[in-house]
Amino acid sequence: MSEETGKLKQDLRVLEAMAAEMDDYLRNENLFWPLDDSSMPRLTLGGYLMRQHRFNALREQLDETEQKRLDAAESLYNEALVEKVVAFEQRAHEEIRARLRQWNEYLKELRDPSVAAGAYYSSAVETRAMLSALLNVLESPPYRLDRRVLNEIMSFDRVLANYWESGDFIWPEEWIPAYPRQSYWWLYGHPRTRDYES
């Protein structure tokens, strides 16, 4: 099994675990919900939606059994959302605010020459991918996106673009269909590590 295939299979396990606890998650106030398996990331809407977005584009890379597991997880997720439009929207905006703070802190580290933040960009940029996944859902009915969020994200994107070096896709090559360069330019290259003014 290639490392890329292994990551996709691990993503499926995480998605299943998140879907199984989504109903409880939306009924509680804990933004970062610990899953039963402590080796997995904590459940958030952004974490679930980022993986769901990936699987929507990469479904054909799964075998038949895995596709059935994916369908079952998505059914659980959809059931959890029944009659929870307001709860979902509020939780999604709460996470967006948290992720914006997280992303802003990372961008500050990038501008600090004493911190080697560029070395872990490929993992830190998951925050930006989660923001994108949250926005995609909130921009579709029945949800409503706080438009101020878009301005803040565009502002942060301009900061990153000031010292961006275009290049190859930074995540597994098999994931490229889920992240076309035009929309996800921040996954194609890396930040330069020199000092730049924002």
N, C-alpha and C. Protein backbone atom coordinates (compact mmCIF):
# COMPACT_ATOMS: atom_id res chain seq x y z
N MET A 1 0.85 -1.18 0.00
CA MET A 1 0.00 0.00 0.00
C MET A 1 0.89 1.24 0.00
N SER A 2 0.64 2.16 -0.95
CA SER A 2 1.43 3.38 -1.00
C SER A 2 1.07 4.27 0.18
N GLU A 3 1.97 5.22 0.48
CA GLU A 3 1.72 6.16 1.58
C GLU A 3 0.46 6.97 1.29
N GLU A 4 0.26 7.35 0.00
CA GLU A 4 -0.92 8.14 -0.37
C GLU A 4 -2.21 7.36 -0.16
N THR A 5 -2.20 6.08 -0.57
CA THR A 5 -3.37 5.23 -0.37
C THR A 5 -3.63 5.04 1.11
N GLY A 6 -2.56 4.89 1.88
CA GLY A 6 -2.69 4.74 3.32
C GLY A 6 -3.34 5.96 3.95
N LYS A 7 -2.99 7.16 3.47
CA LYS A 7 -3.58 8.39 4.01
C LYS A 7 -5.07 8.46 3.69
N LEU A 8 -5.43 8.02 2.50
CA LEU A 8 -6.84 8.04 2.11
C LEU A 8 -7.64 7.05 2.97
N LYS A 9 -7.08 5.88 3.20
CA LYS A 9 -7.77 4.88 4.03
C LYS A 9 -7.89 5.38 5.47
N GLN A 10 -6.84 6.05 5.97
CA GLN A 10 -6.92 6.62 7.32
C GLN A 10 -7.98 7.72 7.37
N ASP A 11 -8.05 8.52 6.30
CA ASP A 11 -9.07 9.57 6.22
C ASP A 11 -10.47 8.97 6.29
N LEU A 12 -10.67 7.81 5.66
CA LEU A 12 -11.98 7.15 5.69
C LEU A 12 -12.32 6.71 7.11
N ARG A 13 -11.33 6.17 7.82
CA ARG A 13 -11.58 5.78 9.22
C ARG A 13 -11.94 6.98 10.08
N VAL A 14 -11.24 8.09 9.85
CA VAL A 14 -11.52 9.31 10.61
C VAL A 14 -12.92 9.83 10.28
N LEU A 15 -13.26 9.83 8.99
CA LEU A 15 -14.59 10.30 8.57
C LEU A 15 -15.69 9.47 9.22
N GLU A 16 -15.50 8.15 9.24
CA GLU A 16 -16.49 7.26 9.87
C GLU A 16 -16.65 7.57 11.35
N ALA A 17 -15.53 7.75 12.04
CA ALA A 17 -15.58 8.03 13.48
C ALA A 17 -16.26 9.38 13.73
N MET A 18 -15.96 10.37 12.89
CA MET A 18 -16.58 11.69 13.06
C MET A 18 -18.09 11.63 12.78
N ALA A 19 -18.47 10.92 11.73
CA ALA A 19 -19.90 10.81 11.39
C ALA A 19 -20.67 10.12 12.51
N ALA A 20 -20.06 9.13 13.13
CA ALA A 20 -20.74 8.37 14.18
C ALA A 20 -21.04 9.24 15.40
N GLU A 21 -20.24 10.28 15.61
CA GLU A 21 -20.43 11.12 16.80
C GLU A 21 -21.00 12.50 16.47
N MET A 22 -21.36 12.73 15.21
CA MET A 22 -21.82 14.05 14.78
C MET A 22 -23.09 14.49 15.51
N ASP A 23 -24.02 13.58 15.71
CA ASP A 23 -25.27 13.96 16.38
C ASP A 23 -24.98 14.47 17.79
N ASP A 24 -24.18 13.73 18.55
CA ASP A 24 -23.82 14.17 19.90
C ASP A 24 -23.05 15.49 19.85
N TYR A 25 -22.16 15.61 18.88
CA TYR A 25 -21.35 16.82 18.74
C TYR A 25 -22.23 18.06 18.57
N LEU A 26 -23.24 17.96 17.71
CA LEU A 26 -24.09 19.11 17.44
C LEU A 26 -25.04 19.43 18.59
N ARG A 27 -25.21 18.49 19.49
CA ARG A 27 -26.08 18.72 20.66
C ARG A 27 -25.29 19.28 21.85
N ASN A 28 -23.99 19.36 21.72
CA ASN A 28 -23.15 19.83 22.82
C ASN A 28 -22.41 21.10 22.41
N GLU A 29 -21.66 21.67 23.34
CA GLU A 29 -21.02 22.96 23.08
C GLU A 29 -19.52 22.86 22.86
N ASN A 30 -18.95 21.67 22.97
CA ASN A 30 -17.52 21.49 22.81
C ASN A 30 -17.13 21.60 21.34
N LEU A 31 -16.37 22.64 20.99
CA LEU A 31 -16.00 22.87 19.58
C LEU A 31 -15.05 21.80 19.06
N PHE A 32 -14.11 21.39 19.89
CA PHE A 32 -13.14 20.36 19.50
C PHE A 32 -13.46 19.09 20.29
N TRP A 33 -14.19 18.18 19.65
CA TRP A 33 -14.78 17.01 20.30
C TRP A 33 -13.82 15.84 20.24
N PRO A 34 -13.38 15.29 21.39
CA PRO A 34 -12.46 14.14 21.35
C PRO A 34 -13.19 12.87 20.89
N LEU A 35 -12.60 12.17 19.96
CA LEU A 35 -13.14 10.90 19.49
C LEU A 35 -12.68 9.78 20.42
N ASP A 36 -13.37 8.64 20.34
CA ASP A 36 -13.02 7.51 21.19
C ASP A 36 -11.59 7.04 20.97
N ASP A 37 -11.14 7.11 19.73
CA ASP A 37 -9.76 6.74 19.38
C ASP A 37 -8.88 7.98 19.52
N SER A 38 -8.05 8.00 20.54
CA SER A 38 -7.25 9.20 20.83
C SER A 38 -6.16 9.46 19.79
N SER A 39 -5.92 8.48 18.89
CA SER A 39 -4.92 8.70 17.85
C SER A 39 -5.49 9.52 16.69
N MET A 40 -6.80 9.74 16.71
CA MET A 40 -7.46 10.50 15.64
C MET A 40 -7.58 11.96 16.02
N PRO A 41 -7.69 12.84 15.00
CA PRO A 41 -7.90 14.25 15.32
C PRO A 41 -9.26 14.45 15.97
N ARG A 42 -9.42 15.56 16.67
CA ARG A 42 -10.71 15.85 17.30
C ARG A 42 -11.75 16.18 16.23
N LEU A 43 -12.97 15.86 16.55
CA LEU A 43 -14.08 16.12 15.63
C LEU A 43 -14.41 17.61 15.62
N THR A 44 -14.44 18.18 14.43
CA THR A 44 -15.02 19.51 14.19
C THR A 44 -15.75 19.42 12.85
N LEU A 45 -16.64 20.36 12.61
CA LEU A 45 -17.31 20.38 11.30
C LEU A 45 -16.29 20.56 10.18
N GLY A 46 -15.34 21.45 10.38
CA GLY A 46 -14.32 21.68 9.35
C GLY A 46 -13.51 20.44 9.04
N GLY A 47 -13.14 19.70 10.07
CA GLY A 47 -12.38 18.47 9.85
C GLY A 47 -13.19 17.44 9.08
N TYR A 48 -14.48 17.32 9.42
CA TYR A 48 -15.34 16.39 8.69
C TYR A 48 -15.52 16.86 7.25
N LEU A 49 -15.87 18.13 7.06
CA LEU A 49 -16.19 18.64 5.72
C LEU A 49 -14.98 18.65 4.80
N MET A 50 -13.78 18.87 5.35
CA MET A 50 -12.57 18.81 4.53
C MET A 50 -12.41 17.41 3.95
N ARG A 51 -12.62 16.40 4.79
CA ARG A 51 -12.48 15.02 4.32
C ARG A 51 -13.62 14.64 3.36
N GLN A 52 -14.82 15.09 3.67
CA GLN A 52 -15.95 14.81 2.78
C GLN A 52 -15.71 15.41 1.41
N HIS A 53 -15.21 16.64 1.36
CA HIS A 53 -14.88 17.29 0.09
C HIS A 53 -13.88 16.43 -0.70
N ARG A 54 -12.87 15.96 0.00
CA ARG A 54 -11.84 15.14 -0.63
C ARG A 54 -12.45 13.88 -1.24
N PHE A 55 -13.30 13.21 -0.46
CA PHE A 55 -13.88 11.96 -0.94
C PHE A 55 -14.88 12.18 -2.08
N ASN A 56 -15.53 13.33 -2.12
CA ASN A 56 -16.44 13.62 -3.24
C ASN A 56 -15.68 13.57 -4.56
N ALA A 57 -14.43 14.00 -4.55
CA ALA A 57 -13.62 14.01 -5.77
C ALA A 57 -12.82 12.72 -5.97
N LEU A 58 -12.56 12.01 -4.89
CA LEU A 58 -11.65 10.86 -4.96
C LEU A 58 -12.35 9.52 -4.76
N ARG A 59 -13.66 9.51 -4.81
CA ARG A 59 -14.44 8.30 -4.55
C ARG A 59 -13.96 7.10 -5.36
N GLU A 60 -13.59 7.33 -6.61
CA GLU A 60 -13.19 6.22 -7.49
C GLU A 60 -11.88 5.58 -7.06
N GLN A 61 -11.15 6.23 -6.17
CA GLN A 61 -9.90 5.63 -5.67
C GLN A 61 -10.17 4.61 -4.56
N LEU A 62 -11.42 4.53 -4.12
CA LEU A 62 -11.79 3.56 -3.09
C LEU A 62 -12.32 2.29 -3.74
N ASP A 63 -12.11 1.14 -3.08
CA ASP A 63 -12.70 -0.08 -3.61
C ASP A 63 -14.19 -0.12 -3.21
N GLU A 64 -14.89 -1.15 -3.66
CA GLU A 64 -16.35 -1.21 -3.47
C GLU A 64 -16.73 -1.21 -1.98
N THR A 65 -16.00 -1.98 -1.20
CA THR A 65 -16.29 -2.03 0.25
C THR A 65 -16.09 -0.67 0.89
N GLU A 66 -15.01 0.00 0.51
CA GLU A 66 -14.73 1.33 1.07
C GLU A 66 -15.77 2.35 0.64
N GLN A 67 -16.25 2.23 -0.59
CA GLN A 67 -17.31 3.14 -1.05
C GLN A 67 -18.59 2.94 -0.24
N LYS A 68 -18.89 1.71 0.10
CA LYS A 68 -20.07 1.45 0.94
C LYS A 68 -19.87 2.03 2.34
N ARG A 69 -18.66 1.92 2.86
CA ARG A 69 -18.37 2.52 4.17
C ARG A 69 -18.52 4.03 4.10
N LEU A 70 -18.06 4.63 3.01
CA LEU A 70 -18.19 6.07 2.82
C LEU A 70 -19.66 6.47 2.78
N ASP A 71 -20.46 5.73 2.03
CA ASP A 71 -21.90 6.02 1.93
C ASP A 71 -22.57 5.93 3.29
N ALA A 72 -22.19 4.92 4.08
CA ALA A 72 -22.77 4.75 5.41
C ALA A 72 -22.40 5.91 6.32
N ALA A 73 -21.16 6.36 6.24
CA ALA A 73 -20.72 7.50 7.05
C ALA A 73 -21.48 8.77 6.66
N GLU A 74 -21.64 8.98 5.37
CA GLU A 74 -22.35 10.18 4.91
C GLU A 74 -23.82 10.13 5.29
N SER A 75 -24.41 8.94 5.33
CA SER A 75 -25.80 8.80 5.78
C SER A 75 -25.93 9.18 7.25
N LEU A 76 -24.98 8.73 8.07
CA LEU A 76 -24.99 9.08 9.49
C LEU A 76 -24.87 10.59 9.67
N TYR A 77 -23.98 11.18 8.89
CA TYR A 77 -23.79 12.64 8.95
C TYR A 77 -25.08 13.37 8.59
N ASN A 78 -25.71 12.95 7.49
CA ASN A 78 -26.94 13.61 7.05
C ASN A 78 -28.07 13.44 8.07
N GLU A 79 -28.15 12.26 8.69
CA GLU A 79 -29.15 12.04 9.74
C GLU A 79 -28.91 12.96 10.93
N ALA A 80 -27.65 13.18 11.26
CA ALA A 80 -27.30 14.02 12.41
C ALA A 80 -27.72 15.48 12.18
N LEU A 81 -27.79 15.89 10.90
CA LEU A 81 -28.12 17.27 10.59
C LEU A 81 -29.61 17.56 10.53
N VAL A 82 -30.44 16.52 10.56
CA VAL A 82 -31.89 16.72 10.46
C VAL A 82 -32.36 17.64 11.58
N GLU A 83 -33.06 18.70 11.20
CA GLU A 83 -33.62 19.68 12.13
C GLU A 83 -32.54 20.36 12.99
N LYS A 84 -31.34 20.48 12.45
CA LYS A 84 -30.27 21.16 13.19
C LYS A 84 -29.60 22.24 12.34
N VAL A 85 -30.37 22.87 11.47
CA VAL A 85 -29.80 23.91 10.60
C VAL A 85 -29.17 25.02 11.43
N VAL A 86 -29.89 25.51 12.42
CA VAL A 86 -29.39 26.62 13.23
C VAL A 86 -28.16 26.19 14.03
N ALA A 87 -28.23 25.00 14.64
CA ALA A 87 -27.09 24.50 15.42
C ALA A 87 -25.86 24.33 14.54
N PHE A 88 -26.06 23.79 13.33
CA PHE A 88 -24.94 23.60 12.40
C PHE A 88 -24.34 24.95 12.03
N GLU A 89 -25.19 25.88 11.65
CA GLU A 89 -24.72 27.20 11.20
C GLU A 89 -23.95 27.92 12.31
N GLN A 90 -24.48 27.87 13.53
CA GLN A 90 -23.80 28.52 14.65
C GLN A 90 -22.45 27.86 14.94
N ARG A 91 -22.44 26.53 14.94
CA ARG A 91 -21.18 25.82 15.21
C ARG A 91 -20.17 26.07 14.10
N ALA A 92 -20.63 26.11 12.86
CA ALA A 92 -19.73 26.36 11.74
C ALA A 92 -19.10 27.75 11.84
N HIS A 93 -19.89 28.76 12.18
CA HIS A 93 -19.34 30.11 12.33
C HIS A 93 -18.39 30.20 13.53
N GLU A 94 -18.70 29.47 14.59
CA GLU A 94 -17.81 29.43 15.74
C GLU A 94 -16.46 28.83 15.34
N GLU A 95 -16.52 27.76 14.57
CA GLU A 95 -15.26 27.15 14.13
C GLU A 95 -14.51 28.06 13.17
N ILE A 96 -15.22 28.72 12.29
CA ILE A 96 -14.55 29.65 11.37
C ILE A 96 -13.77 30.70 12.15
N ARG A 97 -14.38 31.25 13.18
CA ARG A 97 -13.67 32.26 13.98
C ARG A 97 -12.41 31.67 14.62
N ALA A 98 -12.53 30.43 15.13
CA ALA A 98 -11.36 29.78 15.74
C ALA A 98 -10.29 29.49 14.70
N ARG A 99 -10.70 29.01 13.53
CA ARG A 99 -9.73 28.69 12.47
C ARG A 99 -9.07 29.96 11.92
N LEU A 100 -9.81 31.05 11.85
CA LEU A 100 -9.21 32.31 11.39
C LEU A 100 -8.13 32.77 12.37
N ARG A 101 -8.41 32.64 13.66
CA ARG A 101 -7.38 33.00 14.65
C ARG A 101 -6.16 32.09 14.51
N GLN A 102 -6.41 30.81 14.30
CA GLN A 102 -5.33 29.83 14.15
C GLN A 102 -4.49 30.15 12.90
N TRP A 103 -5.16 30.43 11.80
CA TRP A 103 -4.47 30.72 10.55
C TRP A 103 -3.70 32.03 10.65
N ASN A 104 -4.27 33.03 11.30
CA ASN A 104 -3.60 34.31 11.49
C ASN A 104 -2.32 34.12 12.30
N GLU A 105 -2.39 33.30 13.34
CA GLU A 105 -1.19 33.04 14.15
C GLU A 105 -0.11 32.38 13.31
N TYR A 106 -0.52 31.44 12.45
CA TYR A 106 0.47 30.79 11.60
C TYR A 106 1.10 31.79 10.63
N LEU A 107 0.29 32.66 10.04
CA LEU A 107 0.82 33.66 9.11
C LEU A 107 1.79 34.61 9.82
N LYS A 108 1.52 34.92 11.07
CA LYS A 108 2.47 35.74 11.85
C LYS A 108 3.79 35.01 12.01
N GLU A 109 3.72 33.70 12.27
CA GLU A 109 4.95 32.92 12.40
C GLU A 109 5.74 32.92 11.10
N LEU A 110 5.03 32.86 9.97
CA LEU A 110 5.72 32.87 8.68
C LEU A 110 6.52 34.16 8.49
N ARG A 111 6.01 35.26 9.03
CA ARG A 111 6.67 36.55 8.86
C ARG A 111 7.81 36.75 9.86
N ASP A 112 7.95 35.83 10.80
CA ASP A 112 9.00 35.94 11.81
C ASP A 112 10.20 35.11 11.37
N PRO A 113 11.31 35.76 11.02
CA PRO A 113 12.47 35.00 10.52
C PRO A 113 13.09 34.07 11.55
N SER A 114 12.75 34.26 12.82
CA SER A 114 13.32 33.39 13.86
C SER A 114 12.54 32.08 14.02
N VAL A 115 11.41 31.97 13.31
CA VAL A 115 10.58 30.76 13.41
C VAL A 115 10.58 30.05 12.06
N ALA A 116 10.84 28.75 12.05
CA ALA A 116 10.89 27.99 10.79
C ALA A 116 9.50 27.47 10.43
N ALA A 117 8.53 28.38 10.34
CA ALA A 117 7.13 27.97 10.12
C ALA A 117 6.92 27.37 8.74
N GLY A 118 7.73 27.78 7.77
CA GLY A 118 7.58 27.23 6.42
C GLY A 118 7.82 25.74 6.37
N ALA A 119 8.59 25.22 7.31
CA ALA A 119 8.94 23.79 7.31
C ALA A 119 7.73 22.91 7.56
N TYR A 120 6.71 23.43 8.23
CA TYR A 120 5.52 22.61 8.49
C TYR A 120 4.27 23.18 7.83
N TYR A 121 4.47 23.89 6.73
CA TYR A 121 3.34 24.48 6.01
C TYR A 121 2.34 23.43 5.55
N SER A 122 2.81 22.29 5.06
CA SER A 122 1.90 21.28 4.48
C SER A 122 0.91 20.74 5.50
N SER A 123 1.27 20.76 6.78
CA SER A 123 0.31 20.36 7.79
C SER A 123 -0.49 21.56 8.30
N ALA A 124 0.16 22.72 8.44
CA ALA A 124 -0.54 23.91 8.93
C ALA A 124 -1.65 24.36 7.98
N VAL A 125 -1.45 24.14 6.67
CA VAL A 125 -2.42 24.61 5.68
C VAL A 125 -3.74 23.83 5.73
N GLU A 126 -3.78 22.76 6.51
CA GLU A 126 -5.06 22.08 6.73
C GLU A 126 -6.10 23.05 7.28
N THR A 127 -5.64 24.00 8.09
CA THR A 127 -6.55 25.01 8.63
C THR A 127 -7.23 25.79 7.51
N ARG A 128 -6.45 26.17 6.49
CA ARG A 128 -7.01 26.90 5.35
C ARG A 128 -7.97 26.02 4.56
N ALA A 129 -7.65 24.73 4.44
CA ALA A 129 -8.53 23.80 3.72
C ALA A 129 -9.85 23.60 4.47
N MET A 130 -9.79 23.57 5.80
CA MET A 130 -11.02 23.46 6.58
C MET A 130 -11.88 24.71 6.42
N LEU A 131 -11.25 25.86 6.42
CA LEU A 131 -12.00 27.11 6.19
C LEU A 131 -12.71 27.07 4.84
N SER A 132 -12.01 26.61 3.82
CA SER A 132 -12.60 26.52 2.49
C SER A 132 -13.80 25.58 2.48
N ALA A 133 -13.67 24.43 3.15
CA ALA A 133 -14.77 23.46 3.20
C ALA A 133 -15.98 24.02 3.94
N LEU A 134 -15.73 24.73 5.03
CA LEU A 134 -16.82 25.35 5.79
C LEU A 134 -17.53 26.41 4.96
N LEU A 135 -16.76 27.23 4.24
CA LEU A 135 -17.36 28.26 3.40
C LEU A 135 -18.23 27.65 2.31
N ASN A 136 -17.73 26.58 1.69
CA ASN A 136 -18.48 25.94 0.60
C ASN A 136 -19.86 25.51 1.05
N VAL A 137 -19.96 24.99 2.27
CA VAL A 137 -21.26 24.54 2.78
C VAL A 137 -22.13 25.72 3.18
N LEU A 138 -21.55 26.69 3.88
CA LEU A 138 -22.34 27.82 4.36
C LEU A 138 -22.83 28.74 3.24
N GLU A 139 -22.22 28.64 2.08
CA GLU A 139 -22.67 29.46 0.95
C GLU A 139 -23.83 28.81 0.19
N SER A 140 -24.26 27.63 0.66
CA SER A 140 -25.37 26.92 0.01
C SER A 140 -26.57 26.87 0.95
N PRO A 141 -27.81 27.00 0.38
CA PRO A 141 -29.01 26.89 1.22
C PRO A 141 -29.05 25.52 1.90
N PRO A 142 -29.60 25.43 3.09
CA PRO A 142 -30.37 26.46 3.80
C PRO A 142 -29.53 27.36 4.69
N TYR A 143 -28.19 27.29 4.55
CA TYR A 143 -27.32 28.03 5.45
C TYR A 143 -27.06 29.45 4.92
N ARG A 144 -26.59 30.30 5.83
CA ARG A 144 -26.22 31.66 5.45
C ARG A 144 -24.85 31.97 6.04
N LEU A 145 -23.98 32.46 5.18
CA LEU A 145 -22.62 32.78 5.58
C LEU A 145 -22.53 34.25 5.98
N ASP A 146 -21.87 34.51 7.09
CA ASP A 146 -21.55 35.88 7.48
C ASP A 146 -20.52 36.40 6.49
N ARG A 147 -20.91 37.34 5.65
CA ARG A 147 -20.06 37.79 4.53
C ARG A 147 -18.76 38.43 5.00
N ARG A 148 -18.71 38.90 6.24
CA ARG A 148 -17.47 39.49 6.75
C ARG A 148 -16.34 38.47 6.78
N VAL A 149 -16.73 37.21 6.91
CA VAL A 149 -15.73 36.14 6.92
C VAL A 149 -14.93 36.13 5.62
N LEU A 150 -15.62 36.30 4.50
CA LEU A 150 -14.94 36.28 3.20
C LEU A 150 -13.89 37.37 3.12
N ASN A 151 -14.21 38.56 3.62
CA ASN A 151 -13.25 39.66 3.58
C ASN A 151 -12.00 39.34 4.41
N GLU A 152 -12.23 38.71 5.55
CA GLU A 152 -11.10 38.36 6.41
C GLU A 152 -10.22 37.31 5.75
N ILE A 153 -10.83 36.31 5.15
CA ILE A 153 -10.05 35.26 4.48
C ILE A 153 -9.29 35.84 3.29
N MET A 154 -9.94 36.70 2.52
CA MET A 154 -9.25 37.32 1.38
C MET A 154 -8.06 38.15 1.85
N SER A 155 -8.22 38.82 2.99
CA SER A 155 -7.13 39.60 3.55
C SER A 155 -5.95 38.70 3.93
N PHE A 156 -6.25 37.57 4.55
CA PHE A 156 -5.18 36.63 4.92
C PHE A 156 -4.54 36.02 3.67
N ASP A 157 -5.35 35.75 2.65
CA ASP A 157 -4.80 35.20 1.40
C ASP A 157 -3.83 36.19 0.75
N ARG A 158 -4.16 37.48 0.84
CA ARG A 158 -3.25 38.49 0.28
C ARG A 158 -1.92 38.51 1.04
N VAL A 159 -1.99 38.34 2.35
CA VAL A 159 -0.76 38.28 3.16
C VAL A 159 0.10 37.10 2.68
N LEU A 160 -0.51 35.93 2.55
CA LEU A 160 0.23 34.75 2.10
C LEU A 160 0.78 34.94 0.69
N ALA A 161 -0.03 35.53 -0.19
CA ALA A 161 0.39 35.72 -1.58
C ALA A 161 1.61 36.63 -1.69
N ASN A 162 1.81 37.51 -0.72
CA ASN A 162 2.95 38.43 -0.74
C ASN A 162 4.28 37.71 -0.74
N TYR A 163 4.31 36.52 -0.18
CA TYR A 163 5.58 35.81 -0.16
C TYR A 163 5.41 34.34 -0.58
N TRP A 164 4.52 34.15 -1.57
CA TRP A 164 4.23 32.80 -2.06
C TRP A 164 5.11 32.45 -3.23
N GLU A 165 5.60 31.23 -3.23
CA GLU A 165 6.41 30.68 -4.32
C GLU A 165 5.61 29.55 -4.94
N SER A 166 5.10 29.76 -6.17
CA SER A 166 4.32 28.71 -6.83
C SER A 166 5.18 27.49 -7.09
N GLY A 167 4.52 26.32 -7.08
CA GLY A 167 5.26 25.09 -7.32
C GLY A 167 4.34 23.90 -7.41
N ASP A 168 4.85 22.75 -7.02
CA ASP A 168 4.10 21.51 -7.11
C ASP A 168 3.07 21.41 -5.98
N PHE A 169 2.08 20.56 -6.21
CA PHE A 169 1.06 20.26 -5.20
C PHE A 169 1.74 19.68 -3.96
N ILE A 170 1.39 20.18 -2.78
CA ILE A 170 2.13 19.81 -1.58
C ILE A 170 1.56 18.59 -0.84
N TRP A 171 0.37 18.17 -1.20
CA TRP A 171 -0.23 17.00 -0.58
C TRP A 171 -0.10 15.81 -1.53
N PRO A 172 -0.55 14.62 -1.18
CA PRO A 172 -0.40 13.47 -2.07
C PRO A 172 -0.97 13.75 -3.46
N GLU A 173 -0.21 13.37 -4.47
CA GLU A 173 -0.58 13.65 -5.86
C GLU A 173 -1.98 13.13 -6.21
N GLU A 174 -2.36 12.01 -5.60
CA GLU A 174 -3.68 11.43 -5.87
C GLU A 174 -4.82 12.35 -5.46
N TRP A 175 -4.54 13.34 -4.62
CA TRP A 175 -5.58 14.24 -4.13
C TRP A 175 -5.80 15.45 -5.04
N ILE A 176 -5.00 15.60 -6.08
CA ILE A 176 -5.10 16.78 -6.96
C ILE A 176 -6.51 16.98 -7.51
N PRO A 177 -7.25 15.92 -7.92
CA PRO A 177 -8.60 16.16 -8.44
C PRO A 177 -9.53 16.89 -7.45
N ALA A 178 -9.25 16.77 -6.17
CA ALA A 178 -10.09 17.44 -5.16
C ALA A 178 -9.71 18.90 -4.98
N TYR A 179 -8.52 19.28 -5.47
CA TYR A 179 -8.00 20.62 -5.21
C TYR A 179 -7.40 21.24 -6.46
N PRO A 180 -8.25 21.68 -7.41
CA PRO A 180 -7.71 22.32 -8.61
C PRO A 180 -6.93 23.59 -8.28
N ARG A 181 -5.84 23.79 -9.01
CA ARG A 181 -4.92 24.90 -8.72
C ARG A 181 -5.60 26.26 -8.70
N GLN A 182 -6.55 26.51 -9.60
CA GLN A 182 -7.16 27.83 -9.69
C GLN A 182 -7.85 28.22 -8.37
N SER A 183 -8.52 27.28 -7.75
CA SER A 183 -9.25 27.57 -6.51
C SER A 183 -8.40 27.36 -5.26
N TYR A 184 -7.40 26.49 -5.36
CA TYR A 184 -6.61 26.12 -4.18
C TYR A 184 -5.13 26.42 -4.43
N TRP A 185 -4.85 27.62 -4.90
CA TRP A 185 -3.47 28.00 -5.24
C TRP A 185 -2.52 27.82 -4.06
N TRP A 186 -3.04 27.94 -2.83
CA TRP A 186 -2.21 27.85 -1.62
C TRP A 186 -1.80 26.42 -1.29
N LEU A 187 -2.16 25.47 -2.16
CA LEU A 187 -1.67 24.09 -2.03
C LEU A 187 -0.64 23.76 -3.11
N TYR A 188 -0.30 24.74 -3.93
CA TYR A 188 0.63 24.52 -5.04
C TYR A 188 1.84 25.43 -4.87
N GLY A 189 2.78 24.98 -4.06
CA GLY A 189 3.98 25.76 -3.81
C GLY A 189 4.28 25.80 -2.32
N HIS A 190 4.93 26.88 -1.92
CA HIS A 190 5.31 27.02 -0.51
C HIS A 190 5.61 28.49 -0.23
N PRO A 191 5.52 28.88 1.04
CA PRO A 191 5.88 30.25 1.39
C PRO A 191 7.39 30.41 1.40
N ARG A 192 7.86 31.52 0.85
CA ARG A 192 9.28 31.83 0.94
C ARG A 192 9.58 32.19 2.39
N THR A 193 10.78 31.92 2.82
CA THR A 193 11.08 32.08 4.24
C THR A 193 11.77 33.40 4.57
N ARG A 194 11.91 34.29 3.60
CA ARG A 194 12.48 35.61 3.90
C ARG A 194 11.45 36.49 4.58
N ASP A 195 11.88 37.59 5.09
CA ASP A 195 10.99 38.56 5.72
C ASP A 195 10.24 39.34 4.65
N TYR A 196 8.93 39.45 4.82
CA TYR A 196 8.11 40.23 3.89
C TYR A 196 7.18 41.10 4.68
N GLU A 197 6.89 42.25 4.16
CA GLU A 197 5.90 43.13 4.79
C GLU A 197 4.52 42.70 4.35
N SER A 198 3.57 42.71 5.26
CA SER A 198 2.20 42.35 4.89
C SER A 198 1.45 43.60 4.46
